[in-house]
Amino acid sequence: MARRAIHILIYGLIAAVVGCDPPPLTPSGVIAVFGGVGLGEGEFSYPRAITAEPDGSVFVVDKAGRVQRFSPTGEFETAWRMPETTYGKPVGVAVGPDGRIFVADTHYHRVMIYDRDGRHLGSFGREGFCDGEMQLPTDVAVDAEGFIYVSEYHENDRITKWSPSLQFIQAIGAAPVDGRRLRRPAGIDIDDEQTVWVADACNHRVVRFAPDGTFISAFGEMGCEPGQLRYPYDITVSPDNKSLMVCEYGGDRLQWFDKSGKSLRTWGGSGRQAGRLWAPWGAAYGPHGCVYVVDSLNSRVQVIRP
């Protein structure tokens, strides 16, 4: 590598992270930290989206308009840049069941599709407010059947569903749900029952939809206590399909819920040291259930054993 892949801090035997085997190196359960401020390989300029292959690499999007791929142990593997960045940078990324990488190219109102090496495979969406159009997409999720869900904010504030062949199917959550319209739905994920889970960031809640777009339930309110939320920017269904991991940008923490909305535990807190977070944008489960957290204003990724 031309530059150091692990720029700021690595704890213990990083090669063991793949199996989440080493003991926690901080009381908060951190087993590794990688990244650092910069534009070189393995460095970050305000990272703000993350996804991981179930048994493989981790992908991080930063404000330099690039996607970097890391091994599960935090070693830089490859990177590519978005084709256009003049108007803004992407804020969402997902890996589909077939291994394709979907990037929410936010300020160009589209979703870009790549293979894991950064080869461009296609795109869909265009700017607008009608069917088949988008406004500032924030995140992407792909279900087991290949249907694609895209969250949008600005005037649309909705989720759109697309077929595996990239054709628009329907808008979800465009009308008020539980008394309120969605306000910057920032993160989405799909569970094994095809339920659509939405981190409704500016309403400080999680919203649940059926696959046909029917509203099911919502939970959360603004606050810092367990069960409350402050600007949830990401949501991820656990590998066992039993719980939800919510990343709170405004709360500087992760919070786990069961599917009824009961808070199970929290992790993090404001700060610069390992085990603390500063404006995190996202988190993802990686190999063997390890959790990778985009610690955005600290320009790093923390790896924890949940």
Protein backbone atom coordinates (compact mmCIF):
# COMPACT_ATOMS: atom_id res chain seq x y z
CA MET A 1 0.00 0.00 0.00
CA ALA A 2 1.18 3.50 -0.76
CA ARG A 3 -0.23 4.90 2.47
CA ARG A 4 -0.86 3.48 5.91
CA ALA A 5 -4.23 1.77 5.95
CA ILE A 6 -4.57 2.03 9.70
CA HIS A 7 -3.80 5.67 10.29
CA ILE A 8 -4.83 6.40 13.85
CA LEU A 9 -5.27 3.46 16.14
CA ILE A 10 -5.46 -0.31 16.19
CA TYR A 11 -5.88 -2.32 19.36
CA GLY A 12 -4.58 -5.83 19.89
CA LEU A 13 -4.24 -8.46 17.21
CA ILE A 14 -6.38 -6.97 14.46
CA ALA A 15 -6.23 -10.14 12.40
CA ALA A 16 -8.44 -11.80 15.00
CA VAL A 17 -11.25 -9.28 14.44
CA VAL A 18 -12.72 -11.47 11.68
CA GLY A 19 -14.00 -13.85 14.30
CA CYS A 20 -14.57 -11.19 16.98
CA ASP A 21 -12.32 -13.37 19.14
CA PRO A 22 -10.04 -10.99 21.04
CA PRO A 23 -11.18 -9.66 24.40
CA PRO A 24 -12.46 -6.08 24.37
CA LEU A 25 -9.63 -3.59 24.57
CA THR A 26 -11.73 -0.96 26.27
CA PRO A 27 -14.47 -1.42 28.87
CA SER A 28 -16.98 -0.41 26.19
CA GLY A 29 -16.14 -3.41 24.00
CA VAL A 30 -14.07 -1.74 21.26
CA ILE A 31 -11.83 -4.29 19.56
CA ALA A 32 -10.39 -2.10 16.79
CA VAL A 33 -10.33 1.41 15.36
CA PHE A 34 -9.18 2.35 11.87
CA GLY A 35 -9.11 5.46 9.73
CA GLY A 36 -7.86 8.97 10.34
CA VAL A 37 -8.22 12.42 8.77
CA GLY A 38 -7.00 12.68 5.20
CA LEU A 39 -7.54 11.86 1.56
CA GLY A 40 -5.12 8.96 1.28
CA GLU A 41 -5.83 5.26 1.20
CA GLY A 42 -7.51 4.23 4.43
CA GLU A 43 -8.06 7.82 5.53
CA PHE A 44 -11.37 9.67 5.70
CA SER A 45 -12.80 13.06 4.93
CA TYR A 46 -15.89 12.99 7.15
CA PRO A 47 -17.12 9.42 6.55
CA ARG A 48 -20.91 9.21 6.55
CA ALA A 49 -22.14 5.88 5.21
CA ILE A 50 -21.14 2.26 5.74
CA THR A 51 -22.19 -1.22 4.68
CA ALA A 52 -20.61 -4.65 4.88
CA GLU A 53 -20.72 -7.95 3.10
CA PRO A 54 -21.99 -10.63 5.53
CA ASP A 55 -18.72 -12.56 5.36
CA GLY A 56 -16.44 -10.14 3.60
CA SER A 57 -15.42 -6.55 3.15
CA VAL A 58 -16.60 -3.24 4.59
CA PHE A 59 -17.47 -0.25 2.36
CA VAL A 60 -17.27 3.35 3.59
CA VAL A 61 -18.44 6.50 1.78
CA ASP A 62 -16.92 9.84 2.78
CA LYS A 63 -17.36 13.50 1.93
CA ALA A 64 -14.60 13.32 -0.66
CA GLY A 65 -17.15 11.59 -2.90
CA ARG A 66 -15.44 8.22 -2.83
CA VAL A 67 -16.17 4.68 -1.76
CA GLN A 68 -13.39 2.79 0.03
CA ARG A 69 -13.37 -0.97 0.54
CA PHE A 70 -11.67 -2.46 3.58
CA SER A 71 -11.04 -6.00 4.70
CA PRO A 72 -12.90 -7.09 7.85
CA THR A 73 -9.67 -6.33 9.73
CA GLY A 74 -9.60 -2.70 8.54
CA GLU A 75 -6.98 -3.03 5.82
CA PHE A 76 -7.49 -0.83 2.75
CA GLU A 77 -8.35 -2.86 -0.36
CA THR A 78 -9.54 -0.51 -3.09
CA ALA A 79 -11.43 2.73 -3.72
CA TRP A 80 -13.35 4.60 -6.39
CA ARG A 81 -14.84 8.05 -6.79
CA MET A 82 -18.30 9.09 -7.78
CA PRO A 83 -18.53 10.41 -11.35
CA GLU A 84 -19.82 13.84 -10.28
CA THR A 85 -19.36 15.72 -7.01
CA THR A 86 -19.75 19.42 -7.83
CA TYR A 87 -23.24 19.66 -6.30
CA GLY A 88 -22.67 17.33 -3.36
CA LYS A 89 -21.58 13.93 -2.13
CA PRO A 90 -23.42 10.65 -1.43
CA VAL A 91 -24.68 9.80 2.07
CA GLY A 92 -25.91 6.21 1.71
CA VAL A 93 -24.56 2.83 0.64
CA ALA A 94 -25.84 -0.75 0.69
CA VAL A 95 -24.75 -4.16 -0.52
CA GLY A 96 -27.39 -6.28 -2.22
CA PRO A 97 -27.90 -10.05 -1.86
CA ASP A 98 -26.05 -10.56 -5.14
CA GLY A 99 -23.04 -8.52 -4.01
CA ARG A 100 -23.76 -5.36 -6.00
CA ILE A 101 -23.03 -2.06 -4.24
CA PHE A 102 -25.80 0.58 -4.30
CA VAL A 103 -24.80 4.18 -3.57
CA ALA A 104 -27.38 6.89 -2.83
CA ASP A 105 -25.90 9.66 -4.99
CA THR A 106 -27.79 12.23 -2.98
CA HIS A 107 -27.31 15.54 -4.73
CA TYR A 108 -27.65 13.99 -8.19
CA HIS A 109 -31.01 12.44 -7.27
CA ARG A 110 -30.15 8.92 -8.33
CA VAL A 111 -28.80 5.57 -7.17
CA MET A 112 -25.53 4.34 -8.68
CA ILE A 113 -24.77 0.62 -8.90
CA TYR A 114 -21.26 -0.86 -8.82
CA ASP A 115 -19.58 -4.21 -8.41
CA ARG A 116 -17.37 -4.64 -5.36
CA ASP A 117 -14.32 -3.45 -7.31
CA GLY A 118 -15.95 -0.18 -8.32
CA ARG A 119 -16.96 -1.03 -11.88
CA HIS A 120 -20.09 0.91 -12.80
CA LEU A 121 -23.04 -1.39 -13.56
CA GLY A 122 -25.92 1.02 -13.91
CA SER A 123 -28.07 3.66 -12.23
CA PHE A 124 -31.69 4.68 -11.78
CA GLY A 125 -33.66 7.74 -10.74
CA ARG A 126 -33.81 11.35 -11.83
CA GLU A 127 -34.61 14.63 -10.11
CA GLY A 128 -38.28 15.30 -9.47
CA PHE A 129 -41.35 14.76 -7.34
CA CYS A 130 -43.32 12.25 -9.39
CA ASP A 131 -43.28 8.48 -9.80
CA GLY A 132 -39.86 7.31 -10.90
CA GLU A 133 -38.21 10.52 -9.71
CA MET A 134 -36.22 11.35 -6.57
CA GLN A 135 -35.26 14.21 -4.30
CA LEU A 136 -32.02 13.84 -2.33
CA PRO A 137 -31.90 10.09 -1.73
CA THR A 138 -30.35 9.24 1.63
CA ASP A 139 -30.15 5.45 1.80
CA VAL A 140 -30.80 2.22 -0.09
CA ALA A 141 -31.90 -1.26 1.03
CA VAL A 142 -32.36 -4.39 -1.06
CA ASP A 143 -34.58 -7.26 0.04
CA ALA A 144 -33.99 -10.99 -0.49
CA GLU A 145 -36.01 -10.94 -3.74
CA GLY A 146 -34.02 -8.07 -5.22
CA PHE A 147 -36.57 -5.28 -4.70
CA ILE A 148 -34.86 -1.98 -3.96
CA TYR A 149 -36.02 0.65 -1.46
CA VAL A 150 -34.74 4.23 -1.49
CA SER A 151 -35.31 6.86 1.20
CA GLU A 152 -35.60 10.51 0.15
CA TYR A 153 -35.84 13.82 1.95
CA HIS A 154 -36.42 17.48 1.05
CA GLU A 155 -39.95 17.85 -0.38
CA ASN A 156 -40.47 14.16 -1.09
CA ASP A 157 -39.75 12.73 2.40
CA ARG A 158 -40.76 9.21 1.44
CA ILE A 159 -39.55 5.73 0.55
CA THR A 160 -39.76 4.50 -3.04
CA LYS A 161 -39.81 0.85 -4.07
CA TRP A 162 -38.18 -0.35 -7.30
CA SER A 163 -38.23 -3.69 -9.06
CA PRO A 164 -35.10 -5.82 -9.56
CA SER A 165 -35.14 -4.52 -13.14
CA LEU A 166 -34.97 -0.94 -11.74
CA GLN A 167 -38.56 0.02 -12.57
CA PHE A 168 -40.51 2.24 -10.18
CA ILE A 169 -43.25 0.36 -8.29
CA GLN A 170 -44.66 2.63 -5.58
CA ALA A 171 -44.09 5.38 -3.03
CA ILE A 172 -44.30 4.48 0.66
CA GLY A 173 -44.90 6.89 3.53
CA ALA A 174 -45.67 9.93 1.39
CA ALA A 175 -48.83 10.62 3.43
CA PRO A 176 -48.77 11.26 7.21
CA VAL A 177 -48.24 8.15 9.35
CA ASP A 178 -49.18 8.08 13.01
CA GLY A 179 -50.12 11.75 12.71
CA ARG A 180 -46.94 13.02 11.05
CA ARG A 181 -45.27 12.97 7.67
CA LEU A 182 -41.81 11.48 7.47
CA ARG A 183 -39.14 14.13 8.00
CA ARG A 184 -35.78 13.23 6.52
CA PRO A 185 -36.01 9.45 6.51
CA ALA A 186 -32.28 8.87 6.76
CA GLY A 187 -31.82 5.11 7.00
CA ILE A 188 -33.77 2.02 5.96
CA ASP A 189 -33.46 -1.74 6.22
CA ILE A 190 -35.56 -4.81 5.39
CA ASP A 191 -36.01 -7.79 7.70
CA ASP A 192 -36.64 -11.44 6.83
CA GLU A 193 -40.40 -10.85 6.78
CA GLN A 194 -39.90 -8.10 4.17
CA THR A 195 -40.88 -5.47 6.74
CA VAL A 196 -39.49 -2.02 5.90
CA TRP A 197 -37.85 -0.26 8.87
CA VAL A 198 -37.21 3.48 8.57
CA ALA A 199 -35.08 5.81 10.72
CA ASP A 200 -37.30 8.91 10.57
CA ALA A 201 -34.53 11.27 11.61
CA CYS A 202 -36.18 14.63 12.19
CA ASN A 203 -39.19 13.04 13.89
CA HIS A 204 -36.81 11.16 16.22
CA ARG A 205 -38.60 7.85 15.68
CA VAL A 206 -38.55 4.51 13.91
CA VAL A 207 -41.39 3.71 11.51
CA ARG A 208 -42.42 0.28 10.30
CA PHE A 209 -44.15 -0.51 6.99
CA ALA A 210 -45.46 -3.73 5.43
CA PRO A 211 -44.01 -4.75 2.04
CA ASP A 212 -47.06 -3.26 0.29
CA GLY A 213 -46.42 0.10 1.96
CA THR A 214 -49.07 -0.17 4.66
CA PHE A 215 -48.09 1.59 7.89
CA ILE A 216 -47.73 -0.84 10.80
CA SER A 217 -46.31 1.02 13.79
CA ALA A 218 -43.88 3.66 15.04
CA PHE A 219 -41.90 4.24 18.20
CA GLY A 220 -39.53 6.80 19.65
CA GLU A 221 -39.50 10.42 20.74
CA MET A 222 -36.82 13.05 21.07
CA GLY A 223 -34.58 12.59 24.07
CA CYS A 224 -31.46 11.00 25.53
CA GLU A 225 -32.97 8.37 27.80
CA PRO A 226 -33.17 4.68 26.81
CA GLY A 227 -36.02 4.31 24.34
CA GLN A 228 -35.73 7.92 23.20
CA LEU A 229 -33.90 9.04 20.06
CA ARG A 230 -31.97 12.07 18.81
CA TYR A 231 -31.74 12.24 15.02
CA PRO A 232 -31.52 8.55 14.13
CA TYR A 233 -29.56 8.46 10.88
CA ASP A 234 -29.28 4.72 10.34
CA ILE A 235 -31.12 1.51 11.18
CA THR A 236 -29.97 -2.08 10.70
CA VAL A 237 -31.73 -5.37 11.36
CA SER A 238 -29.58 -7.79 13.36
CA PRO A 239 -28.25 -10.92 11.62
CA ASP A 240 -30.60 -13.09 13.70
CA ASN A 241 -33.55 -10.91 12.59
CA LYS A 242 -34.62 -10.32 16.21
CA SER A 243 -33.50 -6.76 16.97
CA LEU A 244 -32.82 -3.36 15.43
CA MET A 245 -29.62 -1.34 15.74
CA VAL A 246 -30.20 2.41 15.48
CA CYS A 247 -27.38 4.90 15.01
CA GLU A 248 -28.16 8.27 16.60
CA TYR A 249 -26.35 11.13 14.91
CA GLY A 250 -27.58 13.60 17.51
CA GLY A 251 -27.24 11.24 20.46
CA ASP A 252 -23.68 10.07 19.75
CA ARG A 253 -24.63 6.47 20.41
CA LEU A 254 -25.98 3.21 19.11
CA GLN A 255 -29.21 1.87 20.58
CA TRP A 256 -30.68 -1.59 20.18
CA PHE A 257 -34.43 -2.25 20.21
CA ASP A 258 -36.59 -5.31 19.95
CA LYS A 259 -39.18 -5.17 17.20
CA SER A 260 -41.87 -3.92 19.55
CA GLY A 261 -39.80 -0.80 20.23
CA LYS A 262 -38.42 -1.76 23.65
CA SER A 263 -34.92 -0.42 24.23
CA LEU A 264 -32.48 -3.26 24.94
CA ARG A 265 -29.19 -1.40 25.45
CA THR A 266 -27.14 1.59 24.34
CA TRP A 267 -23.48 2.05 23.44
CA GLY A 268 -21.30 5.09 22.98
CA GLY A 269 -21.63 8.62 24.26
CA SER A 270 -20.05 11.90 23.20
CA GLY A 271 -16.28 12.10 23.02
CA ARG A 272 -13.04 11.54 21.13
CA GLN A 273 -11.56 8.48 22.83
CA ALA A 274 -12.23 4.91 21.71
CA GLY A 275 -15.68 3.85 22.79
CA ARG A 276 -17.04 7.36 22.31
CA LEU A 277 -18.64 8.88 19.22
CA TRP A 278 -18.94 12.27 17.57
CA ALA A 279 -21.87 12.68 15.16
CA PRO A 280 -21.97 9.08 13.87
CA TRP A 281 -23.84 8.64 10.58
CA GLY A 282 -24.14 4.88 10.36
CA ALA A 283 -23.34 1.40 11.57
CA ALA A 284 -23.33 -2.05 10.00
CA TYR A 285 -23.02 -5.65 11.06
CA GLY A 286 -20.01 -7.35 9.55
CA PRO A 287 -18.56 -10.85 9.70
CA HIS A 288 -19.49 -12.90 12.75
CA GLY A 289 -21.74 -10.17 14.14
CA CYS A 290 -19.05 -7.54 14.68
CA VAL A 291 -20.40 -3.99 14.41
CA TYR A 292 -18.61 -1.31 12.38
CA VAL A 293 -19.53 2.27 13.34
CA VAL A 294 -18.87 5.32 11.17
CA ASP A 295 -17.61 7.80 13.76
CA SER A 296 -17.97 10.72 11.40
CA LEU A 297 -16.47 13.79 13.05
CA ASN A 298 -13.73 11.62 14.53
CA SER A 299 -12.93 10.46 10.95
CA ARG A 300 -12.68 6.81 11.88
CA VAL A 301 -14.46 3.49 12.04
CA GLN A 302 -14.78 1.74 15.39
CA VAL A 303 -15.28 -2.01 15.54
CA ILE A 304 -17.14 -3.40 18.52
CA ARG A 305 -18.45 -6.67 19.79
CA PRO A 306 -22.12 -5.91 20.57
